[in-house]
Amino acid sequence: MKTMTKAFQSSISHVLFLVIAAMCLGPGAARNVFAQQGGPCADDIAKFCKGLQPGGGAIAKCLMENENSLSAACKDFMAEAKQKVQDFADACRGDLDKFCKGVKPGGGAIAKCLKENENSLSPACKERVSKIEEKVRDFKEACRGDVDRFCKDVQPGKGGIVRCLKGHEAELSPGCKEQMTK
């Protein structure tokens, strides 16, 4: 197996986090993962990432750049997210290098690459991707009615559906509320 280029390797954690966020919640969702109202990083985002446009991993990157100055709660949240990314990286690094090396991150391109090569993925990576897809299915199933009810005019992408659901948090069905907290 060829070794990864330094540029590819140095950006893999950032890319993998965005892949996981995009696969779980849709493109641009990293902002919502970190900035959810009352969430562990909301105050840090307001302090360090003010004015950043959502999408493309800008919020996640900002938090990573300011990691030493973050609140304890946000640091803990980031550490947990990094561990999940590392677990995913450990399972899928070879597959990403083999199948997605030339794919430019953004717009769900890496997730799409993994999906297109699903039948050729290593068993460990296939299992990780399958678990993420299961979470996506659970989320969509639990929140389908709420999306139809509250967000039918919202264009999918850049976390719009999740922002819409968060705006109606008090009115959400119990199953959707549970999925939103996951």
Protein backbone atom coordinates (compact mmCIF):
# COMPACT_ATOMS: atom_id res chain seq x y z
CA MET A 1 0.00 0.00 0.00
CA LYS A 2 1.31 3.44 -0.89
CA THR A 3 1.81 5.86 1.96
CA MET A 4 -0.29 8.99 2.05
CA THR A 5 1.14 12.32 0.96
CA LYS A 6 1.95 14.67 3.85
CA ALA A 7 -0.77 17.12 2.77
CA PHE A 8 -3.36 14.37 2.65
CA GLN A 9 -2.23 12.91 5.96
CA SER A 10 -2.11 16.26 7.78
CA SER A 11 -5.66 17.11 6.77
CA ILE A 12 -7.17 13.68 7.38
CA SER A 13 -8.50 14.40 10.88
CA HIS A 14 -10.22 17.56 9.70
CA VAL A 15 -11.61 15.84 6.63
CA LEU A 16 -12.77 12.79 8.55
CA PHE A 17 -14.56 14.92 11.12
CA LEU A 18 -16.37 16.69 8.30
CA VAL A 19 -17.15 13.36 6.63
CA ILE A 20 -18.68 12.08 9.84
CA ALA A 21 -20.63 15.29 10.42
CA ALA A 22 -21.82 15.40 6.83
CA MET A 23 -22.83 11.75 6.80
CA CYS A 24 -24.64 12.09 10.11
CA LEU A 25 -26.31 15.45 9.68
CA GLY A 26 -25.76 16.68 6.14
CA PRO A 27 -23.28 19.10 4.54
CA GLY A 28 -22.37 22.09 6.70
CA ALA A 29 -23.54 20.32 9.83
CA ALA A 30 -20.30 20.69 11.78
CA ARG A 31 -21.42 24.18 12.79
CA ASN A 32 -24.62 22.75 14.21
CA VAL A 33 -22.79 19.96 16.02
CA PHE A 34 -20.63 22.51 17.83
CA ALA A 35 -22.96 25.49 18.07
CA GLN A 36 -26.19 23.88 19.14
CA GLN A 37 -28.02 26.17 21.52
CA GLY A 38 -26.68 25.58 25.00
CA GLY A 39 -24.14 23.17 23.53
CA PRO A 40 -20.66 22.84 25.00
CA CYS A 41 -18.99 24.98 22.31
CA ALA A 42 -21.63 27.66 21.64
CA ASP A 43 -19.91 30.32 23.79
CA ASP A 44 -16.48 29.47 22.37
CA ILE A 45 -17.79 29.83 18.82
CA ALA A 46 -19.30 33.20 19.68
CA LYS A 47 -15.96 34.29 21.18
CA PHE A 48 -13.41 32.88 18.74
CA CYS A 49 -15.30 32.24 15.49
CA LYS A 50 -17.57 35.27 15.31
CA GLY A 51 -18.56 36.17 11.78
CA LEU A 52 -17.48 32.92 10.14
CA GLN A 53 -19.81 31.66 7.46
CA PRO A 54 -21.06 28.12 8.03
CA GLY A 55 -19.92 25.43 5.64
CA GLY A 56 -16.68 23.95 4.48
CA GLY A 57 -15.61 23.14 8.02
CA ALA A 58 -14.85 26.74 8.97
CA ILE A 59 -16.26 26.40 12.49
CA ALA A 60 -14.52 23.09 13.20
CA LYS A 61 -11.26 24.52 11.87
CA CYS A 62 -11.63 27.67 13.99
CA LEU A 63 -12.21 25.62 17.12
CA MET A 64 -9.19 23.42 16.35
CA GLU A 65 -7.04 26.53 15.85
CA ASN A 66 -8.17 27.95 19.21
CA GLU A 67 -8.14 24.64 21.08
CA ASN A 68 -5.81 25.84 23.86
CA SER A 69 -8.18 28.70 24.74
CA LEU A 70 -11.47 26.79 24.69
CA SER A 71 -13.66 26.20 27.73
CA ALA A 72 -13.24 22.89 29.56
CA ALA A 73 -16.65 21.67 28.33
CA CYS A 74 -15.81 22.45 24.71
CA LYS A 75 -12.36 20.87 25.06
CA ASP A 76 -14.00 17.70 26.38
CA PHE A 77 -16.49 17.74 23.51
CA MET A 78 -13.67 18.26 21.00
CA ALA A 79 -11.64 15.44 22.57
CA GLU A 80 -14.61 13.09 22.23
CA ALA A 81 -15.12 14.19 18.61
CA LYS A 82 -11.42 13.70 17.88
CA GLN A 83 -11.54 10.20 19.35
CA LYS A 84 -14.46 9.33 17.07
CA VAL A 85 -12.53 10.75 14.14
CA GLN A 86 -9.45 8.76 15.13
CA ASP A 87 -11.50 5.57 15.39
CA PHE A 88 -12.93 6.24 11.94
CA ALA A 89 -9.46 7.08 10.60
CA ASP A 90 -8.00 3.89 12.00
CA ALA A 91 -10.72 1.87 10.28
CA CYS A 92 -10.78 3.76 6.96
CA ARG A 93 -7.35 5.34 6.41
CA GLY A 94 -6.22 2.70 3.91
CA ASP A 95 -9.53 2.89 2.04
CA LEU A 96 -9.40 6.69 1.89
CA ASP A 97 -5.84 6.52 0.58
CA LYS A 98 -6.72 3.82 -1.95
CA PHE A 99 -10.08 5.07 -3.24
CA CYS A 100 -10.38 8.75 -2.36
CA LYS A 101 -6.83 10.12 -2.46
CA GLY A 102 -7.47 12.50 -5.35
CA VAL A 103 -10.91 13.58 -4.16
CA LYS A 104 -11.07 17.22 -3.12
CA PRO A 105 -12.89 17.56 0.23
CA GLY A 106 -16.08 19.59 0.30
CA GLY A 107 -19.71 19.15 -0.53
CA GLY A 108 -19.74 15.59 0.74
CA ALA A 109 -17.21 14.44 -1.89
CA ILE A 110 -15.31 12.14 0.50
CA ALA A 111 -18.52 10.58 1.83
CA LYS A 112 -19.69 10.10 -1.76
CA CYS A 113 -16.37 8.46 -2.66
CA LEU A 114 -16.66 6.03 0.24
CA LYS A 115 -20.25 5.23 -0.72
CA GLU A 116 -19.30 4.65 -4.37
CA ASN A 117 -16.59 2.22 -3.28
CA GLU A 118 -18.62 0.61 -0.50
CA ASN A 119 -18.35 -2.92 -1.96
CA SER A 120 -14.55 -2.68 -2.04
CA LEU A 121 -13.99 -1.17 1.40
CA SER A 122 -12.15 -3.09 4.09
CA PRO A 123 -14.44 -4.86 6.56
CA ALA A 124 -13.53 -2.41 9.37
CA CYS A 125 -14.24 0.66 7.26
CA LYS A 126 -17.40 -0.87 5.82
CA GLU A 127 -18.62 -1.47 9.38
CA ARG A 128 -17.93 2.18 10.38
CA VAL A 129 -19.67 3.53 7.29
CA SER A 130 -22.59 1.20 7.91
CA LYS A 131 -22.96 2.45 11.51
CA ILE A 132 -22.97 6.06 10.32
CA GLU A 133 -25.54 5.27 7.65
CA GLU A 134 -27.67 3.56 10.31
CA LYS A 135 -27.56 6.71 12.44
CA VAL A 136 -28.55 8.79 9.42
CA ARG A 137 -31.50 6.46 8.73
CA ASP A 138 -32.56 6.60 12.38
CA PHE A 139 -32.38 10.40 12.35
CA LYS A 140 -34.32 10.72 9.10
CA GLU A 141 -36.95 8.22 10.23
CA ALA A 142 -37.44 9.85 13.64
CA CYS A 143 -37.53 13.39 12.26
CA ARG A 144 -39.31 12.90 8.90
CA GLY A 145 -42.67 14.13 10.23
CA ASP A 146 -41.07 17.08 12.01
CA VAL A 147 -39.17 18.08 8.87
CA ASP A 148 -42.41 17.89 6.85
CA ARG A 149 -44.23 19.88 9.50
CA PHE A 150 -41.70 22.61 10.30
CA CYS A 151 -39.07 22.65 7.56
CA LYS A 152 -40.81 21.75 4.30
CA ASP A 153 -39.65 25.00 2.65
CA VAL A 154 -36.02 24.67 3.81
CA GLN A 155 -33.49 23.71 1.13
CA PRO A 156 -31.36 20.74 2.25
CA GLY A 157 -27.65 21.39 2.65
CA LYS A 158 -25.37 23.53 4.80
CA GLY A 159 -27.19 22.37 7.93
CA GLY A 160 -30.43 24.16 7.09
CA ILE A 161 -32.70 21.30 8.12
CA VAL A 162 -30.90 20.83 11.44
CA ARG A 163 -31.04 24.60 12.14
CA CYS A 164 -34.74 24.56 11.34
CA LEU A 165 -35.37 21.63 13.68
CA LYS A 166 -33.34 23.33 16.43
CA GLY A 167 -35.54 26.40 15.97
CA HIS A 168 -38.58 24.22 16.72
CA GLU A 169 -36.93 22.16 19.44
CA ALA A 170 -39.74 22.62 21.97
CA GLU A 171 -42.30 21.38 19.43
CA LEU A 172 -40.44 18.33 18.11
CA SER A 173 -41.73 14.79 18.48
CA PRO A 174 -40.09 12.81 21.30
CA GLY A 175 -38.25 10.53 18.83
CA CYS A 176 -36.81 13.46 16.90
CA LYS A 177 -35.79 15.25 20.11
CA GLU A 178 -33.93 12.11 21.15
CA GLN A 179 -32.13 11.91 17.79
CA MET A 180 -31.24 15.60 17.94
CA THR A 181 -29.49 15.08 21.27
CA LYS A 182 -27.47 12.18 19.83
